[in-house]
Amino acid sequence: MKRVVTALALMVALAACASNSRKSESPSREAAPGGPFDWDAPKPEGLYLDVADLSSISSSLPFTPIEPQLKGLLHIDMTDPNKIQREGMLLLFFFQDPDYGRIVVTEQLTSIDQEALESILQYNTEPTSEAVFSLVKLDDGTQALVSIRKIPSEDGLAPNGVEFLVGDADITIYGPDGSFTLAQAIPVANLVLPNG
């Protein structure tokens, strides 16, 4: 199942970040693949294009993009359609929100249903899991899966996340584990919902 692999990849990313002891305010753009989560740019370099206007790329995406209503948009990126199959396209929004801090929103074509998303809760019983998964209800009734690190990173910059499905889009929101808590995940996710 593709989604379980994605959730496991998130857990691996969380584990990789746990041992990082960066002293800088933000991870380096030169972070190695599999290294620290980069709050400034999508990785790997060269695979993404800058997006100036969301309406200009809608036809290039295999899903209906949703523009988050967070404040402090830094930039939007999408995978280069010349380098990846249309079904694998990613859209990324980078924010420095005055209320919620650094936030990265990813959108992609959903390859799962709600039942498969909720099945990730089974990893809470895995002793090697780096995160605790919770199911929360958003303002419009959407069920979202929140992943919070069991042990916070030393620098507070490892990703916590919330994931939910809207129509044909699978949306994941990341925030630094030093500030993005379960209590923050819900209002941030509500700002990403259509008409948020």
N, C-alpha and C. Protein backbone atom coordinates (compact mmCIF):
# COMPACT_ATOMS: atom_id res chain seq x y z
N MET A 1 0.85 -1.18 0.00
CA MET A 1 0.00 0.00 0.00
C MET A 1 0.89 1.23 0.00
N LYS A 2 0.69 2.14 -0.94
CA LYS A 2 1.54 3.32 -1.08
C LYS A 2 1.51 4.20 0.15
N ARG A 3 0.37 4.37 0.80
CA ARG A 3 0.26 5.31 1.91
C ARG A 3 1.04 4.85 3.13
N VAL A 4 1.03 3.57 3.41
CA VAL A 4 1.79 3.07 4.53
C VAL A 4 3.26 3.38 4.33
N VAL A 5 3.73 3.24 3.11
CA VAL A 5 5.12 3.59 2.82
C VAL A 5 5.36 5.06 3.11
N THR A 6 4.42 5.94 2.72
CA THR A 6 4.58 7.36 2.99
C THR A 6 4.61 7.63 4.48
N ALA A 7 3.73 7.03 5.24
CA ALA A 7 3.72 7.23 6.69
C ALA A 7 5.00 6.70 7.31
N LEU A 8 5.47 5.57 6.82
CA LEU A 8 6.73 5.04 7.34
C LEU A 8 7.88 5.95 6.97
N ALA A 9 7.82 6.54 5.77
CA ALA A 9 8.86 7.48 5.38
C ALA A 9 8.88 8.68 6.32
N LEU A 10 7.70 9.14 6.75
CA LEU A 10 7.65 10.24 7.70
C LEU A 10 8.30 9.82 9.01
N MET A 11 8.00 8.60 9.47
CA MET A 11 8.61 8.14 10.72
C MET A 11 10.12 8.04 10.58
N VAL A 12 10.61 7.61 9.42
CA VAL A 12 12.05 7.55 9.19
C VAL A 12 12.64 8.96 9.21
N ALA A 13 11.93 9.90 8.58
CA ALA A 13 12.40 11.30 8.59
C ALA A 13 12.44 11.82 10.02
N LEU A 14 11.43 11.49 10.80
CA LEU A 14 11.42 11.92 12.19
C LEU A 14 12.60 11.32 12.95
N ALA A 15 12.89 10.06 12.69
CA ALA A 15 14.02 9.41 13.37
C ALA A 15 15.34 10.03 12.94
N ALA A 16 15.47 10.35 11.65
CA ALA A 16 16.71 10.96 11.16
C ALA A 16 16.94 12.32 11.79
N CYS A 17 15.85 13.05 11.99
CA CYS A 17 15.98 14.38 12.58
C CYS A 17 16.29 14.33 14.07
N ALA A 18 15.93 13.26 14.73
CA ALA A 18 16.09 13.18 16.18
C ALA A 18 17.55 13.29 16.60
N SER A 19 18.45 12.79 15.79
CA SER A 19 19.86 12.79 16.18
C SER A 19 20.59 14.05 15.74
N ASN A 20 19.90 14.95 15.03
CA ASN A 20 20.55 16.15 14.52
C ASN A 20 20.66 17.19 15.62
N SER A 21 21.81 17.79 15.76
CA SER A 21 22.00 18.82 16.79
C SER A 21 22.43 20.13 16.16
N ARG A 22 21.69 20.58 15.13
CA ARG A 22 22.02 21.83 14.47
C ARG A 22 21.91 22.99 15.45
N LYS A 23 22.78 23.96 15.30
CA LYS A 23 22.77 25.15 16.17
C LYS A 23 22.14 26.34 15.46
N SER A 24 21.99 26.27 14.13
CA SER A 24 21.49 27.41 13.38
C SER A 24 19.99 27.58 13.58
N GLU A 25 19.51 28.76 13.21
CA GLU A 25 18.09 29.08 13.33
C GLU A 25 17.24 28.23 12.39
N SER A 26 17.83 27.87 11.22
CA SER A 26 17.11 27.12 10.21
C SER A 26 18.06 26.13 9.57
N PRO A 27 17.53 24.94 9.16
CA PRO A 27 18.41 23.96 8.52
C PRO A 27 19.04 24.51 7.25
N SER A 28 20.18 23.99 6.91
CA SER A 28 20.90 24.41 5.71
C SER A 28 20.21 23.93 4.45
N ARG A 29 20.28 24.73 3.40
CA ARG A 29 19.76 24.29 2.11
C ARG A 29 20.60 23.14 1.55
N GLU A 30 21.78 22.95 2.08
CA GLU A 30 22.66 21.89 1.59
C GLU A 30 22.49 20.59 2.38
N ALA A 31 21.42 20.46 3.14
CA ALA A 31 21.21 19.25 3.94
C ALA A 31 21.22 18.02 3.04
N ALA A 32 21.87 16.99 3.50
CA ALA A 32 21.99 15.76 2.72
C ALA A 32 20.65 15.05 2.63
N PRO A 33 20.40 14.31 1.53
CA PRO A 33 19.17 13.53 1.43
C PRO A 33 19.08 12.60 2.63
N GLY A 34 17.90 12.51 3.22
CA GLY A 34 17.72 11.69 4.40
C GLY A 34 18.17 12.42 5.65
N GLY A 35 18.69 13.63 5.49
CA GLY A 35 19.15 14.42 6.63
C GLY A 35 18.02 15.25 7.19
N PRO A 36 18.36 16.40 7.77
CA PRO A 36 17.37 17.22 8.43
C PRO A 36 16.27 17.71 7.49
N PHE A 37 15.08 17.89 8.05
CA PHE A 37 13.97 18.46 7.30
C PHE A 37 14.35 19.89 6.94
N ASP A 38 14.14 20.30 5.71
CA ASP A 38 14.52 21.64 5.28
C ASP A 38 13.29 22.53 5.28
N TRP A 39 13.27 23.51 6.18
CA TRP A 39 12.15 24.42 6.33
C TRP A 39 12.20 25.56 5.31
N ASP A 40 13.25 25.61 4.51
CA ASP A 40 13.44 26.71 3.57
C ASP A 40 13.23 26.35 2.10
N ALA A 41 13.44 25.09 1.74
CA ALA A 41 13.39 24.71 0.33
C ALA A 41 13.05 23.24 0.19
N PRO A 42 12.36 22.87 -0.90
CA PRO A 42 12.07 21.45 -1.13
C PRO A 42 13.34 20.71 -1.55
N LYS A 43 13.40 19.45 -1.22
CA LYS A 43 14.54 18.60 -1.58
C LYS A 43 14.03 17.44 -2.43
N PRO A 44 14.81 16.89 -3.32
CA PRO A 44 16.17 17.30 -3.66
C PRO A 44 16.16 18.52 -4.58
N GLU A 45 17.23 19.28 -4.52
CA GLU A 45 17.36 20.46 -5.37
C GLU A 45 17.31 20.04 -6.84
N GLY A 46 16.75 20.90 -7.67
CA GLY A 46 16.68 20.63 -9.10
C GLY A 46 15.42 19.90 -9.53
N LEU A 47 14.62 19.44 -8.58
CA LEU A 47 13.41 18.70 -8.92
C LEU A 47 12.17 19.60 -8.89
N TYR A 48 12.32 20.82 -8.38
CA TYR A 48 11.18 21.71 -8.17
C TYR A 48 11.29 23.00 -8.95
N LEU A 49 10.13 23.58 -9.25
CA LEU A 49 10.04 24.87 -9.92
C LEU A 49 9.34 25.86 -9.00
N ASP A 50 9.75 27.12 -9.07
CA ASP A 50 9.06 28.18 -8.34
C ASP A 50 7.71 28.43 -9.00
N VAL A 51 6.70 28.71 -8.18
CA VAL A 51 5.36 29.00 -8.69
C VAL A 51 5.01 30.42 -8.27
N ALA A 52 4.73 31.28 -9.24
CA ALA A 52 4.37 32.66 -8.95
C ALA A 52 2.87 32.82 -8.76
N ASP A 53 2.10 32.02 -9.49
CA ASP A 53 0.64 32.16 -9.46
C ASP A 53 0.01 30.77 -9.50
N LEU A 54 -0.73 30.43 -8.46
CA LEU A 54 -1.33 29.11 -8.36
C LEU A 54 -2.27 28.81 -9.52
N SER A 55 -3.00 29.80 -10.01
CA SER A 55 -3.94 29.57 -11.11
C SER A 55 -3.22 29.18 -12.40
N SER A 56 -1.96 29.57 -12.53
CA SER A 56 -1.23 29.26 -13.76
C SER A 56 -0.77 27.80 -13.84
N ILE A 57 -0.82 27.08 -12.73
CA ILE A 57 -0.34 25.69 -12.74
C ILE A 57 -1.43 24.66 -12.51
N SER A 58 -2.64 25.09 -12.23
CA SER A 58 -3.72 24.16 -11.89
C SER A 58 -3.89 23.06 -12.92
N SER A 59 -3.76 23.38 -14.19
CA SER A 59 -3.94 22.37 -15.23
C SER A 59 -2.77 21.38 -15.29
N SER A 60 -1.64 21.72 -14.69
CA SER A 60 -0.49 20.82 -14.68
C SER A 60 -0.58 19.76 -13.58
N LEU A 61 -1.48 19.97 -12.64
CA LEU A 61 -1.58 19.08 -11.48
C LEU A 61 -2.69 18.06 -11.65
N PRO A 62 -2.51 16.84 -11.16
CA PRO A 62 -3.54 15.81 -11.29
C PRO A 62 -4.58 15.88 -10.17
N PHE A 63 -4.54 16.93 -9.35
CA PHE A 63 -5.48 17.11 -8.25
C PHE A 63 -5.88 18.59 -8.21
N THR A 64 -6.92 18.88 -7.47
CA THR A 64 -7.36 20.26 -7.34
C THR A 64 -6.59 20.91 -6.19
N PRO A 65 -5.73 21.88 -6.49
CA PRO A 65 -4.94 22.49 -5.43
C PRO A 65 -5.81 23.35 -4.51
N ILE A 66 -5.42 23.41 -3.26
CA ILE A 66 -6.12 24.22 -2.26
C ILE A 66 -5.12 25.23 -1.74
N GLU A 67 -5.47 26.50 -1.82
CA GLU A 67 -4.57 27.54 -1.35
C GLU A 67 -4.77 27.75 0.15
N PRO A 68 -3.76 27.43 0.97
CA PRO A 68 -3.88 27.62 2.42
C PRO A 68 -4.10 29.08 2.78
N GLN A 69 -4.86 29.31 3.84
CA GLN A 69 -5.17 30.67 4.28
C GLN A 69 -4.26 31.12 5.43
N LEU A 70 -3.09 30.52 5.52
CA LEU A 70 -2.10 30.94 6.51
C LEU A 70 -1.51 32.27 6.07
N LYS A 71 -0.89 32.98 7.00
CA LYS A 71 -0.24 34.25 6.69
C LYS A 71 1.26 34.01 6.50
N GLY A 72 1.92 34.97 5.88
CA GLY A 72 3.37 34.91 5.76
C GLY A 72 3.89 33.95 4.71
N LEU A 73 3.23 33.87 3.56
CA LEU A 73 3.70 32.99 2.48
C LEU A 73 5.08 33.43 2.02
N LEU A 74 6.03 32.49 2.04
CA LEU A 74 7.39 32.78 1.58
C LEU A 74 7.55 32.43 0.11
N HIS A 75 7.10 31.23 -0.26
CA HIS A 75 7.15 30.82 -1.67
C HIS A 75 6.34 29.55 -1.86
N ILE A 76 6.02 29.29 -3.14
CA ILE A 76 5.32 28.07 -3.56
C ILE A 76 6.22 27.36 -4.55
N ASP A 77 6.30 26.04 -4.42
CA ASP A 77 7.10 25.23 -5.35
C ASP A 77 6.26 24.04 -5.81
N MET A 78 6.57 23.55 -6.99
CA MET A 78 5.95 22.32 -7.48
C MET A 78 7.01 21.48 -8.17
N THR A 79 6.77 20.18 -8.21
CA THR A 79 7.71 19.32 -8.91
C THR A 79 7.69 19.67 -10.39
N ASP A 80 8.84 19.56 -11.00
CA ASP A 80 8.99 19.85 -12.42
C ASP A 80 8.28 18.76 -13.22
N PRO A 81 7.24 19.11 -14.00
CA PRO A 81 6.51 18.09 -14.75
C PRO A 81 7.36 17.39 -15.80
N ASN A 82 8.52 17.94 -16.13
CA ASN A 82 9.43 17.28 -17.07
C ASN A 82 10.29 16.22 -16.39
N LYS A 83 10.25 16.18 -15.06
CA LYS A 83 11.12 15.25 -14.32
C LYS A 83 10.37 14.21 -13.50
N ILE A 84 9.05 14.32 -13.45
CA ILE A 84 8.26 13.38 -12.65
C ILE A 84 6.92 13.14 -13.33
N GLN A 85 6.37 11.94 -13.19
CA GLN A 85 5.08 11.63 -13.79
C GLN A 85 3.99 12.51 -13.16
N ARG A 86 3.00 12.82 -13.95
CA ARG A 86 1.92 13.72 -13.51
C ARG A 86 1.28 13.23 -12.21
N GLU A 87 1.06 11.94 -12.06
CA GLU A 87 0.40 11.40 -10.86
C GLU A 87 1.25 11.59 -9.61
N GLY A 88 2.54 11.83 -9.77
CA GLY A 88 3.44 12.01 -8.63
C GLY A 88 3.75 13.46 -8.30
N MET A 89 3.04 14.39 -8.94
CA MET A 89 3.31 15.81 -8.73
C MET A 89 3.06 16.22 -7.29
N LEU A 90 3.94 17.08 -6.79
CA LEU A 90 3.81 17.66 -5.45
C LEU A 90 3.73 19.17 -5.56
N LEU A 91 2.93 19.77 -4.70
CA LEU A 91 2.83 21.21 -4.57
C LEU A 91 3.19 21.54 -3.13
N LEU A 92 4.11 22.49 -2.93
CA LEU A 92 4.56 22.84 -1.58
C LEU A 92 4.41 24.33 -1.34
N PHE A 93 3.89 24.67 -0.17
CA PHE A 93 3.75 26.05 0.27
C PHE A 93 4.62 26.23 1.51
N PHE A 94 5.47 27.25 1.52
CA PHE A 94 6.34 27.54 2.66
C PHE A 94 5.86 28.83 3.31
N PHE A 95 5.62 28.78 4.63
CA PHE A 95 5.11 29.93 5.37
C PHE A 95 5.98 30.26 6.57
N GLN A 96 5.98 31.53 6.94
CA GLN A 96 6.46 31.99 8.24
C GLN A 96 5.28 32.76 8.82
N ASP A 97 4.34 32.02 9.42
CA ASP A 97 3.10 32.60 9.91
C ASP A 97 3.36 33.31 11.24
N PRO A 98 2.82 34.54 11.42
CA PRO A 98 3.08 35.27 12.66
C PRO A 98 2.49 34.59 13.90
N ASP A 99 1.45 33.79 13.73
CA ASP A 99 0.84 33.10 14.87
C ASP A 99 1.37 31.69 15.06
N TYR A 100 1.69 30.99 13.98
CA TYR A 100 2.05 29.57 14.07
C TYR A 100 3.50 29.27 13.70
N GLY A 101 4.26 30.26 13.29
CA GLY A 101 5.66 30.03 12.97
C GLY A 101 5.85 29.38 11.62
N ARG A 102 6.94 28.61 11.50
CA ARG A 102 7.31 28.00 10.23
C ARG A 102 6.38 26.83 9.94
N ILE A 103 5.75 26.86 8.76
CA ILE A 103 4.81 25.82 8.34
C ILE A 103 5.12 25.48 6.88
N VAL A 104 5.11 24.19 6.56
CA VAL A 104 5.22 23.72 5.18
C VAL A 104 3.99 22.87 4.90
N VAL A 105 3.29 23.19 3.82
CA VAL A 105 2.10 22.45 3.40
C VAL A 105 2.43 21.74 2.09
N THR A 106 2.21 20.42 2.05
CA THR A 106 2.39 19.67 0.80
C THR A 106 1.04 19.16 0.34
N GLU A 107 0.84 19.18 -0.97
CA GLU A 107 -0.38 18.65 -1.57
C GLU A 107 0.02 17.72 -2.70
N GLN A 108 -0.72 16.61 -2.80
CA GLN A 108 -0.46 15.64 -3.87
C GLN A 108 -1.75 14.90 -4.17
N LEU A 109 -1.77 14.18 -5.28
CA LEU A 109 -2.91 13.36 -5.65
C LEU A 109 -3.06 12.27 -4.60
N THR A 110 -4.26 12.10 -4.09
CA THR A 110 -4.46 11.05 -3.09
C THR A 110 -4.42 9.68 -3.74
N SER A 111 -3.75 8.77 -3.07
CA SER A 111 -3.68 7.39 -3.56
C SER A 111 -4.30 6.44 -2.54
N ILE A 112 -4.97 7.01 -1.55
CA ILE A 112 -5.58 6.21 -0.48
C ILE A 112 -6.99 6.71 -0.19
N ASP A 113 -7.67 5.99 0.68
CA ASP A 113 -8.96 6.46 1.16
C ASP A 113 -8.84 6.75 2.66
N GLN A 114 -9.91 7.21 3.26
CA GLN A 114 -9.89 7.59 4.67
C GLN A 114 -9.55 6.41 5.57
N GLU A 115 -10.05 5.24 5.22
CA GLU A 115 -9.78 4.04 6.02
C GLU A 115 -8.28 3.74 6.06
N ALA A 116 -7.63 3.85 4.92
CA ALA A 116 -6.18 3.59 4.87
C ALA A 116 -5.41 4.64 5.67
N LEU A 117 -5.85 5.90 5.60
CA LEU A 117 -5.19 6.94 6.39
C LEU A 117 -5.31 6.63 7.88
N GLU A 118 -6.51 6.27 8.31
CA GLU A 118 -6.73 5.97 9.73
C GLU A 118 -6.01 4.71 10.18
N SER A 119 -5.69 3.81 9.24
CA SER A 119 -4.98 2.58 9.61
C SER A 119 -3.57 2.86 10.14
N ILE A 120 -3.06 4.06 9.90
CA ILE A 120 -1.74 4.44 10.40
C ILE A 120 -1.74 4.43 11.94
N LEU A 121 -2.90 4.57 12.55
CA LEU A 121 -2.99 4.55 14.01
C LEU A 121 -2.40 3.26 14.60
N GLN A 122 -2.38 2.19 13.81
CA GLN A 122 -1.83 0.93 14.31
C GLN A 122 -0.35 1.03 14.68
N TYR A 123 0.35 2.02 14.13
CA TYR A 123 1.77 2.16 14.44
C TYR A 123 2.01 2.71 15.84
N ASN A 124 0.97 3.15 16.53
CA ASN A 124 1.13 3.59 17.92
C ASN A 124 1.60 2.46 18.82
N THR A 125 1.30 1.21 18.44
CA THR A 125 1.71 0.07 19.26
C THR A 125 3.11 -0.44 18.91
N GLU A 126 3.72 0.11 17.87
CA GLU A 126 5.07 -0.30 17.48
C GLU A 126 6.10 0.35 18.40
N PRO A 127 6.92 -0.43 19.08
CA PRO A 127 7.90 0.16 19.99
C PRO A 127 8.96 1.01 19.28
N THR A 128 9.18 0.78 18.01
CA THR A 128 10.19 1.55 17.28
C THR A 128 9.64 2.82 16.64
N SER A 129 8.32 3.04 16.74
CA SER A 129 7.72 4.22 16.15
C SER A 129 8.25 5.47 16.85
N GLU A 130 8.65 6.46 16.06
CA GLU A 130 9.18 7.72 16.59
C GLU A 130 8.08 8.73 16.88
N ALA A 131 6.83 8.41 16.49
CA ALA A 131 5.73 9.37 16.64
C ALA A 131 4.52 8.70 17.28
N VAL A 132 3.67 9.55 17.83
CA VAL A 132 2.36 9.13 18.31
C VAL A 132 1.34 9.69 17.31
N PHE A 133 0.46 8.83 16.83
CA PHE A 133 -0.54 9.22 15.85
C PHE A 133 -1.89 9.38 16.52
N SER A 134 -2.61 10.45 16.15
CA SER A 134 -3.94 10.73 16.71
C SER A 134 -4.88 11.11 15.59
N LEU A 135 -6.14 10.76 15.74
CA LEU A 135 -7.16 11.15 14.79
C LEU A 135 -7.93 12.33 15.40
N VAL A 136 -8.06 13.43 14.65
CA VAL A 136 -8.76 14.62 15.13
C VAL A 136 -9.80 15.03 14.10
N LYS A 137 -10.85 15.71 14.57
CA LYS A 137 -11.90 16.21 13.68
C LYS A 137 -11.68 17.70 13.46
N LEU A 138 -11.65 18.09 12.18
CA LEU A 138 -11.50 19.49 11.81
C LEU A 138 -12.87 20.16 11.75
N ASP A 139 -12.88 21.48 11.59
CA ASP A 139 -14.12 22.26 11.66
C ASP A 139 -15.21 21.77 10.70
N ASP A 140 -14.82 21.32 9.52
CA ASP A 140 -15.83 20.88 8.54
C ASP A 140 -16.19 19.39 8.69
N GLY A 141 -15.66 18.73 9.73
CA GLY A 141 -15.94 17.32 9.96
C GLY A 141 -14.89 16.38 9.40
N THR A 142 -13.94 16.91 8.64
CA THR A 142 -12.87 16.10 8.09
C THR A 142 -12.06 15.45 9.22
N GLN A 143 -11.77 14.17 9.07
CA GLN A 143 -10.92 13.46 10.03
C GLN A 143 -9.48 13.59 9.56
N ALA A 144 -8.60 14.07 10.44
CA ALA A 144 -7.19 14.27 10.10
C ALA A 144 -6.32 13.42 11.01
N LEU A 145 -5.20 12.98 10.49
CA LEU A 145 -4.24 12.19 11.23
C LEU A 145 -3.08 13.10 11.65
N VAL A 146 -2.84 13.21 12.95
CA VAL A 146 -1.76 14.04 13.47
C VAL A 146 -0.64 13.12 13.93
N SER A 147 0.61 13.47 13.60
CA SER A 147 1.78 12.72 14.08
C SER A 147 2.65 13.68 14.88
N ILE A 148 2.90 13.32 16.12
CA ILE A 148 3.71 14.13 17.04
C ILE A 148 4.86 13.27 17.53
N ARG A 149 6.05 13.80 17.48
CA ARG A 149 7.24 13.07 17.92
C ARG A 149 7.11 12.65 19.37
N LYS A 150 7.53 11.42 19.68
CA LYS A 150 7.52 10.95 21.07
C LYS A 150 8.57 11.69 21.89
N ILE A 151 9.74 11.88 21.31
CA ILE A 151 10.83 12.58 21.99
C ILE A 151 11.19 13.79 21.13
N PRO A 152 10.99 14.99 21.66
CA PRO A 152 11.31 16.19 20.87
C PRO A 152 12.79 16.23 20.48
N SER A 153 13.06 16.81 19.31
CA SER A 153 14.44 16.95 18.86
C SER A 153 15.15 17.98 19.74
N GLU A 154 16.46 17.91 19.77
CA GLU A 154 17.24 18.84 20.58
C GLU A 154 17.08 20.28 20.13
N ASP A 155 16.97 20.49 18.82
CA ASP A 155 16.87 21.86 18.30
C ASP A 155 15.44 22.31 18.05
N GLY A 156 14.48 21.41 18.23
CA GLY A 156 13.08 21.78 18.02
C GLY A 156 12.68 21.97 16.57
N LEU A 157 13.51 21.48 15.63
CA LEU A 157 13.25 21.71 14.21
C LEU A 157 12.84 20.46 13.43
N ALA A 158 12.68 19.33 14.10
CA ALA A 158 12.21 18.13 13.41
C ALA A 158 10.71 18.29 13.13
N PRO A 159 10.18 17.64 12.10
CA PRO A 159 8.78 17.88 11.73
C PRO A 159 7.76 17.06 12.52
N ASN A 160 6.71 17.72 12.98
CA ASN A 160 5.46 17.09 13.37
C ASN A 160 4.51 17.35 12.22
N GLY A 161 3.43 16.57 12.10
CA GLY A 161 2.58 16.77 10.94
C GLY A 161 1.12 16.45 11.18
N VAL A 162 0.29 16.92 10.26
CA VAL A 162 -1.14 16.58 10.23
C VAL A 162 -1.50 16.33 8.77
N GLU A 163 -2.21 15.25 8.53
CA GLU A 163 -2.55 14.85 7.15
C GLU A 163 -4.05 14.59 7.05
N PHE A 164 -4.63 15.03 5.93
CA PHE A 164 -6.04 14.79 5.68
C PHE A 164 -6.31 14.78 4.18
N LEU A 165 -7.48 14.29 3.82
CA LEU A 165 -7.88 14.17 2.42
C LEU A 165 -9.01 15.16 2.13
N VAL A 166 -8.89 15.85 1.00
CA VAL A 166 -9.93 16.77 0.54
C VAL A 166 -10.12 16.50 -0.94
N GLY A 167 -11.25 15.91 -1.30
CA GLY A 167 -11.50 15.58 -2.70
C GLY A 167 -10.42 14.66 -3.22
N ASP A 168 -9.72 15.08 -4.27
CA ASP A 168 -8.67 14.25 -4.86
C ASP A 168 -7.28 14.61 -4.34
N ALA A 169 -7.21 15.46 -3.31
CA ALA A 169 -5.91 15.90 -2.77
C ALA A 169 -5.62 15.28 -1.41
N ASP A 170 -4.38 14.89 -1.22
CA ASP A 170 -3.84 14.41 0.05
C ASP A 170 -2.96 15.56 0.56
N ILE A 171 -3.33 16.13 1.69
CA ILE A 171 -2.66 17.32 2.20
C ILE A 171 -1.94 16.97 3.51
N THR A 172 -0.67 17.35 3.59
CA THR A 172 0.10 17.17 4.81
C THR A 172 0.71 18.52 5.19
N ILE A 173 0.56 18.85 6.47
CA ILE A 173 1.08 20.11 7.01
C ILE A 173 2.17 19.74 8.01
N TYR A 174 3.33 20.39 7.88
CA TYR A 174 4.44 20.14 8.79
C TYR A 174 4.76 21.42 9.57
N GLY A 175 5.11 21.23 10.83
CA GLY A 175 5.59 22.33 11.65
C GLY A 175 6.69 21.80 12.55
N PRO A 176 7.61 22.66 13.00
CA PRO A 176 8.73 22.22 13.84
C PRO A 176 8.24 21.65 15.17
N ASP A 177 8.84 20.54 15.59
CA ASP A 177 8.38 19.88 16.80
C ASP A 177 8.57 20.72 18.06
N GLY A 178 9.41 21.75 18.00
CA GLY A 178 9.58 22.63 19.14
C GLY A 178 8.40 23.57 19.36
N SER A 179 7.53 23.71 18.33
CA SER A 179 6.41 24.64 18.46
C SER A 179 5.09 24.09 17.91
N PHE A 180 5.14 23.15 16.98
CA PHE A 180 3.92 22.65 16.33
C PHE A 180 3.40 21.45 17.11
N THR A 181 2.46 21.71 17.99
CA THR A 181 1.91 20.69 18.88
C THR A 181 0.56 20.20 18.35
N LEU A 182 0.00 19.22 19.02
CA LEU A 182 -1.34 18.74 18.67
C LEU A 182 -2.34 19.90 18.75
N ALA A 183 -2.21 20.75 19.77
CA ALA A 183 -3.12 21.88 19.93
C ALA A 183 -2.99 22.87 18.77
N GLN A 184 -1.80 23.03 18.20
CA GLN A 184 -1.61 23.92 17.05
C GLN A 184 -2.02 23.27 15.74
N ALA A 185 -1.85 21.95 15.63
CA ALA A 185 -2.13 21.25 14.38
C ALA A 185 -3.57 21.45 13.91
N ILE A 186 -4.50 21.45 14.83
CA ILE A 186 -5.91 21.54 14.46
C ILE A 186 -6.25 22.92 13.88
N PRO A 187 -5.93 24.05 14.56
CA PRO A 187 -6.28 25.34 13.93
C PRO A 187 -5.52 25.60 12.64
N VAL A 188 -4.28 25.12 12.53
CA VAL A 188 -3.53 25.30 11.29
C VAL A 188 -4.20 24.50 10.17
N ALA A 189 -4.57 23.26 10.45
CA ALA A 189 -5.26 22.44 9.43
C ALA A 189 -6.56 23.10 9.00
N ASN A 190 -7.29 23.71 9.94
CA ASN A 190 -8.53 24.40 9.58
C ASN A 190 -8.27 25.56 8.63
N LEU A 191 -7.09 26.19 8.72
CA LEU A 191 -6.74 27.29 7.81
C LEU A 191 -6.33 26.79 6.42
N VAL A 192 -6.07 25.51 6.32
CA VAL A 192 -5.69 24.93 5.03
C VAL A 192 -6.90 24.34 4.31
N LEU A 193 -7.94 24.00 5.05
CA LEU A 193 -9.16 23.49 4.44
C LEU A 193 -9.70 24.50 3.42
N PRO A 194 -10.42 24.02 2.39
CA PRO A 194 -11.06 24.98 1.48
C PRO A 194 -11.98 25.89 2.29
N ASN A 195 -11.95 27.16 1.98
CA ASN A 195 -12.72 28.17 2.71
C ASN A 195 -12.33 28.26 4.17
N GLY A 196 -11.05 27.90 4.47
CA GLY A 196 -10.52 27.93 5.84
C GLY A 196 -10.42 29.30 6.30
